[in-house]
């Protein structure tokens, strides 16, 4: 057991010393360490390092799971703060509960995490809103560099299009995801938007194709699918891909906008 803990510490130390940003290959090590190490200090260190992975759904899921299940308060407190640093509002309801009922250290870290998350929560006025549109999972294939940047750019582009529609909101007060009961109380219909971006590069031409799936929220019953594609001359880099996205996303979104208008 001692040898195993030394092994985990050596991995974590090397990540801290030599990687200013944790590489994708090491994320698996951190997640495994957080889940399986018998030493709470090792698990806490792994949780701290995972806080650098903004936009990484696996890091978020691992931290949330450890926050809810780990029996050590130091680990749970570290997970709480890391969740706050990741900036995913899906953790807010769990953190609020911990801030009221948990042991002192966990309560303290949960409150700090909530402050970090609340700083990013816009004020939401639901007056006149008829539809809540949750921006669901985003996946990318065929493009590996700066993936988090591309995903965030795509989400921002989608949010911009959604929030130009006066009767639609992609936000809910305090950045929580509304329940079926909350939507019904406000007389607001719920939908979710999933999107998949496929990229290919051939010589001097970059092609991008986006597929959008609209489902009910929270029931996840598929209502419509739409897609669009474009190709342009350029390098296989972030700048060219973002230009391609600017061309295809609005085209694919038109079908979503039309569907929502018919279902007011």
Protein backbone atom coordinates (compact mmCIF):
# COMPACT_ATOMS: atom_id res chain seq x y z
CA UNK A 1 0.00 0.00 0.00
CA UNK A 2 2.84 2.42 0.84
CA UNK A 3 4.50 1.75 -2.51
CA UNK A 4 1.21 2.37 -4.32
CA UNK A 5 0.71 5.73 -2.61
CA UNK A 6 4.29 6.75 -3.39
CA UNK A 7 3.58 5.89 -7.04
CA UNK A 8 0.50 8.11 -7.11
CA UNK A 9 2.35 10.96 -5.37
CA UNK A 10 5.18 10.73 -7.90
CA UNK A 11 2.71 10.98 -10.79
CA UNK A 12 0.93 13.96 -9.24
CA UNK A 13 4.23 15.67 -8.44
CA UNK A 14 5.44 15.27 -12.01
CA UNK A 15 2.19 16.72 -13.33
CA UNK A 16 2.49 19.75 -11.04
CA UNK A 17 6.17 20.30 -11.76
CA UNK A 18 6.27 19.86 -15.49
CA UNK A 19 2.78 20.63 -16.84
CA UNK A 20 1.36 24.15 -16.47
CA UNK A 21 -1.87 22.71 -17.92
CA UNK A 22 -2.78 19.08 -17.27
CA UNK A 23 -2.64 17.15 -20.53
CA UNK A 24 -5.56 14.97 -21.65
CA UNK A 25 -3.53 11.79 -21.09
CA UNK A 26 -2.99 12.69 -17.44
CA UNK A 27 -6.66 13.49 -16.79
CA UNK A 28 -7.40 9.76 -16.80
CA UNK A 29 -4.69 9.26 -14.17
CA UNK A 30 -6.13 12.03 -12.00
CA UNK A 31 -9.67 10.68 -12.26
CA UNK A 32 -8.53 7.16 -11.44
CA UNK A 33 -6.51 8.49 -8.49
CA UNK A 34 -9.46 10.49 -7.18
CA UNK A 35 -11.66 7.41 -7.36
CA UNK A 36 -9.32 4.69 -6.12
CA UNK A 37 -6.44 5.98 -3.99
CA UNK A 38 -6.59 4.89 -0.36
CA UNK A 39 -4.71 8.02 0.75
CA UNK A 40 -7.02 11.02 1.22
CA UNK A 41 -4.17 13.49 0.62
CA UNK A 42 -3.53 11.93 -2.78
CA UNK A 43 -7.25 12.10 -3.64
CA UNK A 44 -7.40 15.74 -2.53
CA UNK A 45 -4.37 16.62 -4.69
CA UNK A 46 -6.00 14.95 -7.69
CA UNK A 47 -9.20 16.92 -7.04
CA UNK A 48 -7.22 20.16 -6.88
CA UNK A 49 -5.50 19.47 -10.22
CA UNK A 50 -8.77 18.60 -11.93
CA UNK A 51 -9.97 22.14 -11.21
CA UNK A 52 -7.80 23.27 -14.15
CA UNK A 53 -9.96 21.33 -16.62
CA UNK A 54 -12.67 23.85 -17.49
CA UNK A 55 -15.04 22.49 -20.09
CA UNK A 56 -14.00 18.88 -19.54
CA UNK A 57 -17.15 16.89 -18.76
CA UNK A 58 -15.22 13.86 -17.43
CA UNK A 59 -13.34 16.03 -14.93
CA UNK A 60 -16.60 17.61 -13.79
CA UNK A 61 -18.35 14.24 -13.42
CA UNK A 62 -15.46 12.76 -11.44
CA UNK A 63 -15.30 15.73 -9.08
CA UNK A 64 -19.07 15.78 -8.54
CA UNK A 65 -19.12 12.05 -7.85
CA UNK A 66 -16.28 12.32 -5.32
CA UNK A 67 -17.90 15.37 -3.75
CA UNK A 68 -21.09 13.38 -3.19
CA UNK A 69 -19.56 10.02 -2.21
CA UNK A 70 -16.10 10.44 -0.68
CA UNK A 71 -16.13 9.96 3.09
CA UNK A 72 -13.18 12.25 3.82
CA UNK A 73 -14.13 15.92 4.47
CA UNK A 74 -10.81 17.23 3.15
CA UNK A 75 -11.37 15.49 -0.18
CA UNK A 76 -14.99 16.59 -0.35
CA UNK A 77 -14.07 20.18 0.48
CA UNK A 78 -11.37 20.23 -2.18
CA UNK A 79 -13.81 18.77 -4.69
CA UNK A 80 -16.33 21.47 -3.80
CA UNK A 81 -13.86 24.28 -4.46
CA UNK A 82 -12.69 22.62 -7.68
CA UNK A 83 -16.28 22.44 -8.88
CA UNK A 84 -16.56 26.15 -8.30
CA UNK A 85 -13.41 26.79 -10.31
CA UNK A 86 -14.70 24.68 -13.21
CA UNK A 87 -17.61 27.09 -13.54
CA UNK A 88 -20.29 24.53 -14.39
CA UNK A 89 -23.63 25.69 -12.88
CA UNK A 90 -24.87 22.09 -12.75
CA UNK A 91 -23.04 21.79 -9.42
CA UNK A 92 -24.91 24.65 -7.75
CA UNK A 93 -27.82 22.69 -6.28
CA UNK A 94 -25.43 20.12 -4.72
CA UNK A 95 -23.16 22.84 -3.34
CA UNK A 96 -26.09 24.72 -1.82
CA UNK A 97 -27.16 21.63 0.07
CA UNK A 98 -23.60 21.07 1.32
CA UNK A 99 -23.29 24.71 2.38
CA UNK A 100 -26.21 24.16 4.78
CA UNK A 101 -25.74 20.64 6.10
CA UNK A 102 -22.13 19.45 5.77
CA UNK A 103 -19.21 19.49 8.19
CA UNK A 104 -17.45 22.79 8.76
CA UNK A 105 -14.65 22.50 6.18
CA UNK A 106 -16.97 21.19 3.46
CA UNK A 107 -19.49 23.96 4.22
CA UNK A 108 -16.75 26.58 3.95
CA UNK A 109 -15.45 25.28 0.61
CA UNK A 110 -18.99 24.88 -0.77
CA UNK A 111 -19.74 28.53 0.07
CA UNK A 112 -16.52 29.64 -1.67
CA UNK A 113 -17.45 27.55 -4.70
CA UNK A 114 -20.92 29.10 -4.83
CA UNK A 115 -19.40 32.59 -4.81
CA UNK A 116 -17.23 31.65 -7.79
CA UNK A 117 -20.23 30.26 -9.66
CA UNK A 118 -22.56 33.13 -8.77
CA UNK A 119 -20.06 35.62 -10.20
CA UNK A 120 -20.74 34.06 -13.58
CA UNK A 121 -24.53 33.91 -13.26
CA UNK A 122 -26.31 36.59 -15.26
CA UNK A 123 -29.46 38.18 -13.87
CA UNK A 124 -32.44 36.51 -15.49
CA UNK A 125 -35.86 38.07 -16.06
CA UNK A 126 -38.39 35.42 -17.10
CA UNK A 127 -41.09 37.95 -17.93
CA UNK A 128 -42.34 37.28 -21.46
CA UNK A 129 -40.40 34.03 -21.76
CA UNK A 130 -42.37 31.09 -23.16
CA UNK A 131 -39.57 28.60 -23.79
CA UNK A 132 -36.51 27.47 -21.82
CA UNK A 133 -33.83 26.05 -24.12
CA UNK A 134 -31.07 24.16 -22.33
CA UNK A 135 -27.78 24.07 -24.25
CA UNK A 136 -26.88 20.42 -23.89
CA UNK A 137 -23.79 18.37 -24.80
CA UNK A 138 -21.43 19.51 -27.55
CA UNK A 139 -19.20 16.97 -29.31
CA UNK A 140 -16.46 17.46 -31.89
CA UNK A 141 -14.83 14.96 -34.22
CA UNK A 142 -11.95 15.43 -36.63
CA UNK A 143 -10.32 18.29 -34.73
CA UNK A 144 -8.20 17.77 -31.62
CA UNK A 145 -6.23 20.96 -30.93
CA UNK A 146 -7.81 23.61 -28.66
CA UNK A 147 -10.93 21.46 -28.33
CA UNK A 148 -12.14 23.23 -25.19
CA UNK A 149 -11.81 26.59 -26.92
CA UNK A 150 -13.86 25.36 -29.88
CA UNK A 151 -16.56 23.84 -27.65
CA UNK A 152 -16.86 27.06 -25.65
CA UNK A 153 -16.95 29.10 -28.85
CA UNK A 154 -19.73 26.92 -30.24
CA UNK A 155 -21.72 27.16 -27.01
CA UNK A 156 -21.30 30.95 -26.95
CA UNK A 157 -22.44 31.17 -30.57
CA UNK A 158 -25.51 29.04 -29.82
CA UNK A 159 -26.33 31.07 -26.70
CA UNK A 160 -26.11 34.28 -28.72
CA UNK A 161 -28.59 32.97 -31.29
CA UNK A 162 -30.95 31.61 -28.62
CA UNK A 163 -31.05 34.79 -26.59
CA UNK A 164 -31.88 36.95 -29.60
CA UNK A 165 -35.30 35.30 -29.62
CA UNK A 166 -37.41 37.44 -27.26
CA UNK A 167 -39.59 34.61 -25.94
CA UNK A 168 -36.73 32.13 -25.36
CA UNK A 169 -34.16 31.91 -22.55
CA UNK A 170 -31.19 29.60 -22.15
CA UNK A 171 -30.69 30.79 -18.54
CA UNK A 172 -32.61 30.20 -15.34
CA UNK A 173 -32.31 32.29 -12.17
CA UNK A 174 -29.18 31.48 -10.12
CA UNK A 175 -27.82 29.36 -12.99
CA UNK A 176 -29.73 26.26 -11.91
CA UNK A 177 -31.42 23.89 -14.33
CA UNK A 178 -35.17 24.11 -13.79
CA UNK A 179 -37.23 21.12 -12.82
CA UNK A 180 -40.39 20.07 -14.66
CA UNK A 181 -42.41 21.53 -11.79
CA UNK A 182 -40.62 24.90 -11.97
CA UNK A 183 -41.22 25.13 -15.72
CA UNK A 184 -44.88 24.25 -15.29
CA UNK A 185 -45.27 26.85 -12.53
CA UNK A 186 -43.91 29.57 -14.83
CA UNK A 187 -45.91 28.21 -17.81
CA UNK A 188 -42.69 27.77 -19.76
CA UNK A 189 -42.01 24.88 -22.17
CA UNK A 190 -38.65 23.14 -21.89
CA UNK A 191 -36.35 21.94 -24.68
CA UNK A 192 -32.73 20.84 -24.94
CA UNK A 193 -30.29 21.40 -27.80
CA UNK A 194 -27.50 18.90 -28.49
CA UNK A 195 -24.93 19.61 -31.19
CA UNK A 196 -22.19 17.68 -32.97
CA UNK A 197 -19.47 19.32 -35.05
CA UNK A 198 -17.59 17.24 -37.61
CA UNK A 199 -14.41 18.65 -39.15
CA UNK A 200 -12.25 17.46 -42.04
CA UNK A 201 -9.26 18.97 -43.84
CA UNK A 202 -8.09 18.05 -47.31
CA UNK A 203 -5.11 19.90 -48.73
CA UNK A 204 -5.95 23.60 -48.46
CA UNK A 205 -9.67 23.13 -47.77
CA UNK A 206 -11.34 22.82 -44.38
CA UNK A 207 -14.87 21.47 -44.15
CA UNK A 208 -17.19 21.62 -41.16
CA UNK A 209 -20.60 20.11 -40.64
CA UNK A 210 -22.91 20.66 -37.69
CA UNK A 211 -25.82 18.49 -36.62
CA UNK A 212 -28.35 19.86 -34.14
CA UNK A 213 -30.83 17.70 -32.24
CA UNK A 214 -33.74 19.33 -30.41
CA UNK A 215 -35.33 17.29 -27.62
CA UNK A 216 -37.86 17.95 -24.90
CA UNK A 217 -36.50 18.98 -21.52
CA UNK A 218 -36.28 17.22 -19.18
CA UNK A 219 -37.89 14.26 -20.96
CA UNK A 220 -35.31 14.05 -23.81
CA UNK A 221 -37.84 13.05 -26.47
CA UNK A 222 -36.46 13.95 -29.92
CA UNK A 223 -38.51 16.61 -31.69
CA UNK A 224 -36.37 17.60 -34.66
CA UNK A 225 -32.92 17.37 -36.23
CA UNK A 226 -31.20 19.81 -38.55
CA UNK A 227 -27.77 20.13 -40.12
CA UNK A 228 -25.61 22.41 -42.23
CA UNK A 229 -22.14 22.23 -43.74
CA UNK A 230 -19.59 24.51 -45.35
CA UNK A 231 -16.09 24.41 -46.82
CA UNK A 232 -13.52 27.14 -47.15
CA UNK A 233 -9.91 27.56 -48.11
CA UNK A 234 -7.60 27.74 -45.14
CA UNK A 235 -5.38 25.96 -42.65
CA UNK A 236 -6.56 23.28 -40.27
CA UNK A 237 -6.46 25.66 -37.30
CA UNK A 238 -8.74 27.31 -34.74
CA UNK A 239 -9.17 30.55 -36.69
CA UNK A 240 -10.31 28.82 -39.88
CA UNK A 241 -12.62 26.48 -37.99
CA UNK A 242 -14.27 29.35 -36.13
CA UNK A 243 -14.90 31.09 -39.46
CA UNK A 244 -16.50 27.90 -40.74
CA UNK A 245 -18.64 27.64 -37.61
CA UNK A 246 -19.86 31.20 -38.08
CA UNK A 247 -21.17 30.10 -41.47
CA UNK A 248 -22.89 26.83 -40.55
CA UNK A 249 -24.32 27.36 -37.06
CA UNK A 250 -26.86 30.10 -37.97
CA UNK A 251 -28.06 28.03 -40.95
CA UNK A 252 -28.67 24.92 -38.83
CA UNK A 253 -30.28 26.98 -36.09
CA UNK A 254 -32.96 28.41 -38.41
CA UNK A 255 -34.86 25.12 -38.28
CA UNK A 256 -34.78 25.18 -34.47
CA UNK A 257 -36.07 28.75 -34.40
CA UNK A 258 -38.92 27.85 -36.76
CA UNK A 259 -39.87 24.81 -34.69
CA UNK A 260 -39.94 26.81 -31.45
CA UNK A 261 -42.09 29.50 -33.07
CA UNK A 262 -44.65 26.85 -34.05
CA UNK A 263 -44.74 25.46 -30.52
CA UNK A 264 -45.38 28.55 -28.43
